[in-house]
């Protein structure tokens, strides 16, 4: 019985998490032939303020990227 834990920062929708769990289940079934009924997959979510990579909190990285995305938007707020 394969047991698979996914660790990721919180912030995804329930539909995104369901799709990820289904995709991992399917990939495991195809890769090793385990019966789908025997595959266990779960998500462990953590707060982005509690994870650092490369000396930068994930929350800070997300904020920086969001600010860069909005500064690239055309005037008037209309996206291309």
PDB file of N, CA and C in Angstrom:
ATOM      1  N   UNK A   1       0.842  -1.169   0.000  1.00  0.00           N
ATOM      2  CA  UNK A   1       0.000   0.000   0.000  1.00  0.00           C
ATOM      3  C   UNK A   1       0.894   1.242   0.000  1.00  0.00           C
ATOM      4  N   UNK A   2       0.971   1.955  -1.114  1.00  0.00           N
ATOM      5  CA  UNK A   2       1.765   3.183  -1.170  1.00  0.00           C
ATOM      6  C   UNK A   2       1.143   4.284  -0.306  1.00  0.00           C
ATOM      7  N   UNK A   3       1.987   4.951   0.465  1.00  0.00           N
ATOM      8  CA  UNK A   3       1.585   6.090   1.285  1.00  0.00           C
ATOM      9  C   UNK A   3       2.374   7.296   0.797  1.00  0.00           C
ATOM     10  N   UNK A   4       1.685   8.316   0.315  1.00  0.00           N
ATOM     11  CA  UNK A   4       2.353   9.462  -0.296  1.00  0.00           C
ATOM     12  C   UNK A   4       1.880  10.734   0.393  1.00  0.00           C
ATOM     13  N   UNK A   5       2.833  11.486   0.945  1.00  0.00           N
ATOM     14  CA  UNK A   5       2.511  12.761   1.578  1.00  0.00           C
ATOM     15  C   UNK A   5       3.058  13.891   0.724  1.00  0.00           C
ATOM     16  N   UNK A   6       2.219  14.874   0.469  1.00  0.00           N
ATOM     17  CA  UNK A   6       2.609  16.067  -0.273  1.00  0.00           C
ATOM     18  C   UNK A   6       2.663  17.213   0.727  1.00  0.00           C
ATOM     19  N   UNK A   7       3.797  17.875   0.829  1.00  0.00           N
ATOM     20  CA  UNK A   7       3.918  19.059   1.678  1.00  0.00           C
ATOM     21  C   UNK A   7       3.944  20.274   0.773  1.00  0.00           C
ATOM     22  N   UNK A   8       3.049  21.231   1.057  1.00  0.00           N
ATOM     23  CA  UNK A   8       3.008  22.447   0.251  1.00  0.00           C
ATOM     24  C   UNK A   8       2.393  23.576   1.060  1.00  0.00           C
ATOM     25  N   UNK A   9       2.704  24.783   0.635  1.00  0.00           N
ATOM     26  CA  UNK A   9       2.155  25.958   1.298  1.00  0.00           C
ATOM     27  C   UNK A   9       0.659  26.043   1.052  1.00  0.00           C
ATOM     28  N   UNK A  10      -0.047  26.547   2.031  1.00  0.00           N
ATOM     29  CA  UNK A  10      -1.487  26.735   1.875  1.00  0.00           C
ATOM     30  C   UNK A  10      -1.749  27.817   0.834  1.00  0.00           C
ATOM     31  N   UNK A  11      -2.969  27.804   0.322  1.00  0.00           N
ATOM     32  CA  UNK A  11      -3.344  28.827  -0.644  1.00  0.00           C
ATOM     33  C   UNK A  11      -4.002  28.281  -1.892  1.00  0.00           C
ATOM     34  N   UNK A  12      -4.055  26.964  -2.035  1.00  0.00           N
ATOM     35  CA  UNK A  12      -4.725  26.376  -3.204  1.00  0.00           C
ATOM     36  C   UNK A  12      -6.199  26.151  -2.901  1.00  0.00           C
ATOM     37  N   UNK A  13      -6.993  26.113  -3.940  1.00  0.00           N
ATOM     38  CA  UNK A  13      -8.427  25.877  -3.780  1.00  0.00           C
ATOM     39  C   UNK A  13      -8.678  24.391  -3.541  1.00  0.00           C
ATOM     40  N   UNK A  14      -9.845  24.062  -2.990  1.00  0.00           N
ATOM     41  CA  UNK A  14     -10.186  22.647  -2.838  1.00  0.00           C
ATOM     42  C   UNK A  14     -10.157  21.894  -4.173  1.00  0.00           C
ATOM     43  N   UNK A  15     -10.601  22.524  -5.243  1.00  0.00           N
ATOM     44  CA  UNK A  15     -10.568  21.859  -6.553  1.00  0.00           C
ATOM     45  C   UNK A  15      -9.142  21.589  -7.016  1.00  0.00           C
ATOM     46  N   UNK A  16      -8.222  22.521  -6.775  1.00  0.00           N
ATOM     47  CA  UNK A  16      -6.820  22.303  -7.143  1.00  0.00           C
ATOM     48  C   UNK A  16      -6.228  21.148  -6.349  1.00  0.00           C
ATOM     49  N   UNK A  17      -6.528  21.099  -5.063  1.00  0.00           N
ATOM     50  CA  UNK A  17      -6.002  20.015  -4.227  1.00  0.00           C
ATOM     51  C   UNK A  17      -6.592  18.670  -4.641  1.00  0.00           C
ATOM     52  N   UNK A  18      -7.868  18.642  -4.950  1.00  0.00           N
ATOM     53  CA  UNK A  18      -8.496  17.398  -5.403  1.00  0.00           C
ATOM     54  C   UNK A  18      -7.852  16.915  -6.696  1.00  0.00           C
ATOM     55  N   UNK A  19      -7.592  17.836  -7.626  1.00  0.00           N
ATOM     56  CA  UNK A  19      -6.955  17.470  -8.893  1.00  0.00           C
ATOM     57  C   UNK A  19      -5.547  16.933  -8.660  1.00  0.00           C
ATOM     58  N   UNK A  20      -4.804  17.551  -7.752  1.00  0.00           N
ATOM     59  CA  UNK A  20      -3.455  17.083  -7.440  1.00  0.00           C
ATOM     60  C   UNK A  20      -3.492  15.684  -6.836  1.00  0.00           C
ATOM     61  N   UNK A  21      -4.371  15.472  -5.873  1.00  0.00           N
ATOM     62  CA  UNK A  21      -4.483  14.154  -5.244  1.00  0.00           C
ATOM     63  C   UNK A  21      -4.848  13.081  -6.264  1.00  0.00           C
ATOM     64  N   UNK A  22      -5.776  13.400  -7.159  1.00  0.00           N
ATOM     65  CA  UNK A  22      -6.181  12.441  -8.192  1.00  0.00           C
ATOM     66  C   UNK A  22      -5.033  12.152  -9.152  1.00  0.00           C
ATOM     67  N   UNK A  23      -4.292  13.188  -9.538  1.00  0.00           N
ATOM     68  CA  UNK A  23      -3.177  13.002 -10.471  1.00  0.00           C
ATOM     69  C   UNK A  23      -2.068  12.150  -9.854  1.00  0.00           C
ATOM     70  N   UNK A  24      -1.766  12.376  -8.585  1.00  0.00           N
ATOM     71  CA  UNK A  24      -0.735  11.585  -7.908  1.00  0.00           C
ATOM     72  C   UNK A  24      -1.192  10.138  -7.763  1.00  0.00           C
ATOM     73  N   UNK A  25      -2.451   9.941  -7.431  1.00  0.00           N
ATOM     74  CA  UNK A  25      -2.994   8.584  -7.335  1.00  0.00           C
ATOM     75  C   UNK A  25      -2.868   7.867  -8.672  1.00  0.00           C
ATOM     76  N   UNK A  26      -3.278   8.525  -9.740  1.00  0.00           N
ATOM     77  CA  UNK A  26      -3.211   7.928 -11.076  1.00  0.00           C
ATOM     78  C   UNK A  26      -1.768   7.637 -11.485  1.00  0.00           C
ATOM     79  N   UNK A  27      -0.872   8.590 -11.240  1.00  0.00           N
ATOM     80  CA  UNK A  27       0.537   8.391 -11.607  1.00  0.00           C
ATOM     81  C   UNK A  27       1.149   7.220 -10.845  1.00  0.00           C
ATOM     82  N   UNK A  28       0.799   7.086  -9.582  1.00  0.00           N
ATOM     83  CA  UNK A  28       1.311   5.972  -8.779  1.00  0.00           C
ATOM     84  C   UNK A  28       0.790   4.644  -9.314  1.00  0.00           C
ATOM     85  N   UNK A  29      -0.483   4.606  -9.630  1.00  0.00           N
ATOM     86  CA  UNK A  29      -1.083   3.391 -10.199  1.00  0.00           C
ATOM     87  C   UNK A  29      -0.374   2.997 -11.496  1.00  0.00           C
ATOM     88  N   UNK A  30      -0.159   3.967 -12.381  1.00  0.00           N
ATOM     89  CA  UNK A  30       0.479   3.670 -13.670  1.00  0.00           C
ATOM     90  C   UNK A  30       1.951   3.293 -13.511  1.00  0.00           C
ATOM     91  N   UNK A  31       2.642   3.940 -12.589  1.00  0.00           N
ATOM     92  CA  UNK A  31       4.083   3.718 -12.443  1.00  0.00           C
ATOM     93  C   UNK A  31       4.423   2.382 -11.801  1.00  0.00           C
ATOM     94  N   UNK A  32       3.671   1.989 -10.784  1.00  0.00           N
ATOM     95  CA  UNK A  32       4.050   0.766 -10.062  1.00  0.00           C
ATOM     96  C   UNK A  32       2.969  -0.300 -10.063  1.00  0.00           C
ATOM     97  N   UNK A  33       1.845   0.000 -10.698  1.00  0.00           N
ATOM     98  CA  UNK A  33       0.789  -1.000 -10.808  1.00  0.00           C
ATOM     99  C   UNK A  33       0.006  -1.260  -9.540  1.00  0.00           C
ATOM    100  N   UNK A  34       0.138  -0.387  -8.555  1.00  0.00           N
ATOM    101  CA  UNK A  34      -0.625  -0.573  -7.316  1.00  0.00           C
ATOM    102  C   UNK A  34      -2.106  -0.363  -7.589  1.00  0.00           C
ATOM    103  N   UNK A  35      -2.953  -1.181  -6.997  1.00  0.00           N
ATOM    104  CA  UNK A  35      -4.388  -0.957  -7.165  1.00  0.00           C
ATOM    105  C   UNK A  35      -4.767   0.421  -6.605  1.00  0.00           C
ATOM    106  N   UNK A  36      -5.596   1.138  -7.335  1.00  0.00           N
ATOM    107  CA  UNK A  36      -5.999   2.481  -6.910  1.00  0.00           C
ATOM    108  C   UNK A  36      -6.554   2.455  -5.488  1.00  0.00           C
ATOM    109  N   UNK A  37      -7.299   1.409  -5.164  1.00  0.00           N
ATOM    110  CA  UNK A  37      -7.917   1.308  -3.841  1.00  0.00           C
ATOM    111  C   UNK A  37      -6.891   1.243  -2.712  1.00  0.00           C
ATOM    112  N   UNK A  38      -5.662   0.847  -3.033  1.00  0.00           N
ATOM    113  CA  UNK A  38      -4.645   0.701  -1.989  1.00  0.00           C
ATOM    114  C   UNK A  38      -3.764   1.939  -1.834  1.00  0.00           C
ATOM    115  N   UNK A  39      -3.913   2.906  -2.707  1.00  0.00           N
ATOM    116  CA  UNK A  39      -3.038   4.085  -2.706  1.00  0.00           C
ATOM    117  C   UNK A  39      -3.597   5.136  -1.755  1.00  0.00           C
ATOM    118  N   UNK A  40      -2.742   5.626  -0.876  1.00  0.00           N
ATOM    119  CA  UNK A  40      -3.117   6.666   0.084  1.00  0.00           C
ATOM    120  C   UNK A  40      -2.278   7.906  -0.206  1.00  0.00           C
ATOM    121  N   UNK A  41      -2.947   9.024  -0.420  1.00  0.00           N
ATOM    122  CA  UNK A  41      -2.261  10.287  -0.698  1.00  0.00           C
ATOM    123  C   UNK A  41      -2.903  11.360   0.169  1.00  0.00           C
ATOM    124  N   UNK A  42      -2.085  12.167   0.835  1.00  0.00           N
ATOM    125  CA  UNK A  42      -2.630  13.260   1.621  1.00  0.00           C
ATOM    126  C   UNK A  42      -1.734  14.475   1.489  1.00  0.00           C
ATOM    127  N   UNK A  43      -2.322  15.606   1.801  1.00  0.00           N
ATOM    128  CA  UNK A  43      -1.619  16.886   1.708  1.00  0.00           C
ATOM    129  C   UNK A  43      -1.393  17.429   3.110  1.00  0.00           C
ATOM    130  N   UNK A  44      -0.169  17.807   3.363  1.00  0.00           N
ATOM    131  CA  UNK A  44       0.179  18.533   4.584  1.00  0.00           C
ATOM    132  C   UNK A  44       0.437  19.974   4.153  1.00  0.00           C
ATOM    133  N   UNK A  45      -0.405  20.889   4.614  1.00  0.00           N
ATOM    134  CA  UNK A  45      -0.233  22.293   4.256  1.00  0.00           C
ATOM    135  C   UNK A  45       0.462  23.038   5.388  1.00  0.00           C
ATOM    136  N   UNK A  46       1.299  23.986   5.007  1.00  0.00           N
ATOM    137  CA  UNK A  46       1.956  24.829   5.997  1.00  0.00           C
ATOM    138  C   UNK A  46       1.745  26.285   5.621  1.00  0.00           C
ATOM    139  N   UNK A  47       1.851  27.139   6.613  1.00  0.00           N
ATOM    140  CA  UNK A  47       1.680  28.569   6.413  1.00  0.00           C
ATOM    141  C   UNK A  47       2.903  29.126   5.681  1.00  0.00           C
ATOM    142  N   UNK A  48       2.706  29.956   4.655  1.00  0.00           N
ATOM    143  CA  UNK A  48       3.835  30.514   3.910  1.00  0.00           C
ATOM    144  C   UNK A  48       4.779  31.359   4.767  1.00  0.00           C
ATOM    145  N   UNK A  49       4.319  31.781   5.956  1.00  0.00           N
ATOM    146  CA  UNK A  49       5.205  32.540   6.847  1.00  0.00           C
ATOM    147  C   UNK A  49       6.099  31.617   7.665  1.00  0.00           C
ATOM    148  N   UNK A  50       5.917  30.308   7.507  1.00  0.00           N
ATOM    149  CA  UNK A  50       6.685  29.335   8.283  1.00  0.00           C
ATOM    150  C   UNK A  50       7.627  28.512   7.420  1.00  0.00           C
ATOM    151  N   UNK A  51       7.907  28.997   6.212  1.00  0.00           N
ATOM    152  CA  UNK A  51       8.778  28.252   5.297  1.00  0.00           C
ATOM    153  C   UNK A  51       9.717  29.234   4.615  1.00  0.00           C
ATOM    154  N   UNK A  52      10.990  28.909   4.641  1.00  0.00           N
ATOM    155  CA  UNK A  52      11.987  29.762   4.019  1.00  0.00           C
ATOM    156  C   UNK A  52      12.815  28.942   3.040  1.00  0.00           C
ATOM    157  N   UNK A  53      13.070  29.530   1.886  1.00  0.00           N
ATOM    158  CA  UNK A  53      13.945  28.911   0.888  1.00  0.00           C
ATOM    159  C   UNK A  53      14.868  29.995   0.355  1.00  0.00           C
ATOM    160  N   UNK A  54      16.126  29.686   0.297  1.00  0.00           N
ATOM    161  CA  UNK A  54      17.085  30.657  -0.215  1.00  0.00           C
ATOM    162  C   UNK A  54      17.133  31.933   0.609  1.00  0.00           C
ATOM    163  N   UNK A  55      16.843  31.831   1.907  1.00  0.00           N
ATOM    164  CA  UNK A  55      16.893  32.991   2.780  1.00  0.00           C
ATOM    165  C   UNK A  55      15.693  33.910   2.683  1.00  0.00           C
ATOM    166  N   UNK A  56      14.635  33.472   2.007  1.00  0.00           N
ATOM    167  CA  UNK A  56      13.451  34.315   1.834  1.00  0.00           C
ATOM    168  C   UNK A  56      12.201  33.531   2.238  1.00  0.00           C
ATOM    169  N   UNK A  57      11.370  34.158   3.080  1.00  0.00           N
ATOM    170  CA  UNK A  57      10.099  33.529   3.430  1.00  0.00           C
ATOM    171  C   UNK A  57       9.243  33.385   2.184  1.00  0.00           C
ATOM    172  N   UNK A  58       8.533  32.289   2.102  1.00  0.00           N
ATOM    173  CA  UNK A  58       7.654  32.069   0.961  1.00  0.00           C
ATOM    174  C   UNK A  58       6.601  33.171   0.873  1.00  0.00           C
ATOM    175  N   UNK A  59       6.084  33.629   2.009  1.00  0.00           N
ATOM    176  CA  UNK A  59       5.092  34.711   2.003  1.00  0.00           C
ATOM    177  C   UNK A  59       5.674  35.979   1.387  1.00  0.00           C
ATOM    178  N   UNK A  60       6.930  36.289   1.701  1.00  0.00           N
ATOM    179  CA  UNK A  60       7.576  37.471   1.126  1.00  0.00           C
ATOM    180  C   UNK A  60       7.797  37.303  -0.375  1.00  0.00           C
ATOM    181  N   UNK A  61       8.182  36.114  -0.781  1.00  0.00           N
ATOM    182  CA  UNK A  61       8.390  35.845  -2.208  1.00  0.00           C
ATOM    183  C   UNK A  61       7.082  36.007  -2.976  1.00  0.00           C
ATOM    184  N   UNK A  62       6.000  35.458  -2.420  1.00  0.00           N
ATOM    185  CA  UNK A  62       4.695  35.593  -3.073  1.00  0.00           C
ATOM    186  C   UNK A  62       4.286  37.063  -3.181  1.00  0.00           C
ATOM    187  N   UNK A  63       4.501  37.826  -2.117  1.00  0.00           N
ATOM    188  CA  UNK A  63       4.136  39.248  -2.132  1.00  0.00           C
ATOM    189  C   UNK A  63       4.960  40.009  -3.163  1.00  0.00           C
ATOM    190  N   UNK A  64       6.246  39.707  -3.239  1.00  0.00           N
ATOM    191  CA  UNK A  64       7.116  40.375  -4.213  1.00  0.00           C
ATOM    192  C   UNK A  64       6.669  40.061  -5.633  1.00  0.00           C
ATOM    193  N   UNK A  65       6.349  38.806  -5.893  1.00  0.00           N
ATOM    194  CA  UNK A  65       5.901  38.421  -7.238  1.00  0.00           C
ATOM    195  C   UNK A  65       4.557  39.052  -7.583  1.00  0.00           C
ATOM    196  N   UNK A  66       3.652  39.121  -6.604  1.00  0.00           N
ATOM    197  CA  UNK A  66       2.346  39.744  -6.850  1.00  0.00           C
ATOM    198  C   UNK A  66       2.511  41.221  -7.170  1.00  0.00           C
ATOM    199  N   UNK A  67       3.415  41.891  -6.459  1.00  0.00           N
ATOM    200  CA  UNK A  67       3.659  43.310  -6.724  1.00  0.00           C
ATOM    201  C   UNK A  67       4.258  43.500  -8.108  1.00  0.00           C
ATOM    202  N   UNK A  68       5.151  42.611  -8.504  1.00  0.00           N
ATOM    203  CA  UNK A  68       5.753  42.702  -9.840  1.00  0.00           C
ATOM    204  C   UNK A  68       4.711  42.453 -10.915  1.00  0.00           C
ATOM    205  N   UNK A  69       3.798  41.523 -10.671  1.00  0.00           N
ATOM    206  CA  UNK A  69       2.742  41.232 -11.646  1.00  0.00           C
ATOM    207  C   UNK A  69       1.827  42.428 -11.843  1.00  0.00           C
ATOM    208  N   UNK A  70       1.490  43.128 -10.757  1.00  0.00           N
ATOM    209  CA  UNK A  70       0.593  44.277 -10.891  1.00  0.00           C
ATOM    210  C   UNK A  70       1.299  45.460 -11.521  1.00  0.00           C
ATOM    211  N   UNK A  71       2.612  45.572 -11.324  1.00  0.00           N
ATOM    212  CA  UNK A  71       3.329  46.693 -11.937  1.00  0.00           C
ATOM    213  C   UNK A  71       3.507  46.480 -13.434  1.00  0.00           C
ATOM    214  N   UNK A  72       3.384  45.240 -13.898  1.00  0.00           N
ATOM    215  CA  UNK A  72       3.490  44.939 -15.327  1.00  0.00           C
ATOM    216  C   UNK A  72       2.162  45.111 -16.055  1.00  0.00           C
ATOM    217  N   UNK A  73       1.072  45.281 -15.308  1.00  0.00           N
ATOM    218  CA  UNK A  73      -0.253  45.391 -15.932  1.00  0.00           C
ATOM    219  C   UNK A  73      -0.386  46.720 -16.658  1.00  0.00           C
ATOM    220  N   UNK A  74      -1.088  46.746 -17.786  1.00  0.00           N
ATOM    221  CA  UNK A  74      -1.297  47.996 -18.511  1.00  0.00           C
ATOM    222  C   UNK A  74      -2.116  48.984 -17.689  1.00  0.00           C
ATOM    223  N   UNK A  75      -1.956  50.266 -17.983  1.00  0.00           N
ATOM    224  CA  UNK A  75      -2.720  51.305 -17.296  1.00  0.00           C
ATOM    225  C   UNK A  75      -4.208  51.037 -17.481  1.00  0.00           C
ATOM    226  N   UNK A  76      -4.986  51.345 -16.474  1.00  0.00           N
ATOM    227  CA  UNK A  76      -6.420  51.122 -16.553  1.00  0.00           C
ATOM    228  C   UNK A  76      -6.832  49.760 -16.028  1.00  0.00           C
ATOM    229  N   UNK A  77      -5.852  48.910 -15.707  1.00  0.00           N
ATOM    230  CA  UNK A  77      -6.144  47.618 -15.119  1.00  0.00           C
ATOM    231  C   UNK A  77      -6.583  46.549 -16.095  1.00  0.00           C
ATOM    232  N   UNK A  78      -6.607  46.842 -17.375  1.00  0.00           N
ATOM    233  CA  UNK A  78      -7.014  45.830 -18.352  1.00  0.00           C
ATOM    234  C   UNK A  78      -5.838  44.934 -18.675  1.00  0.00           C
ATOM    235  N   UNK A  79      -6.019  43.667 -18.459  1.00  0.00           N
ATOM    236  CA  UNK A  79      -4.967  42.705 -18.799  1.00  0.00           C
ATOM    237  C   UNK A  79      -5.031  42.398 -20.281  1.00  0.00           C
ATOM    238  N   UNK A  80      -3.890  42.127 -20.893  1.00  0.00           N
ATOM    239  CA  UNK A  80      -3.895  41.804 -22.331  1.00  0.00           C
ATOM    240  C   UNK A  80      -4.614  40.518 -22.630  1.00  0.00           C
TER     241      UNK A  80
END
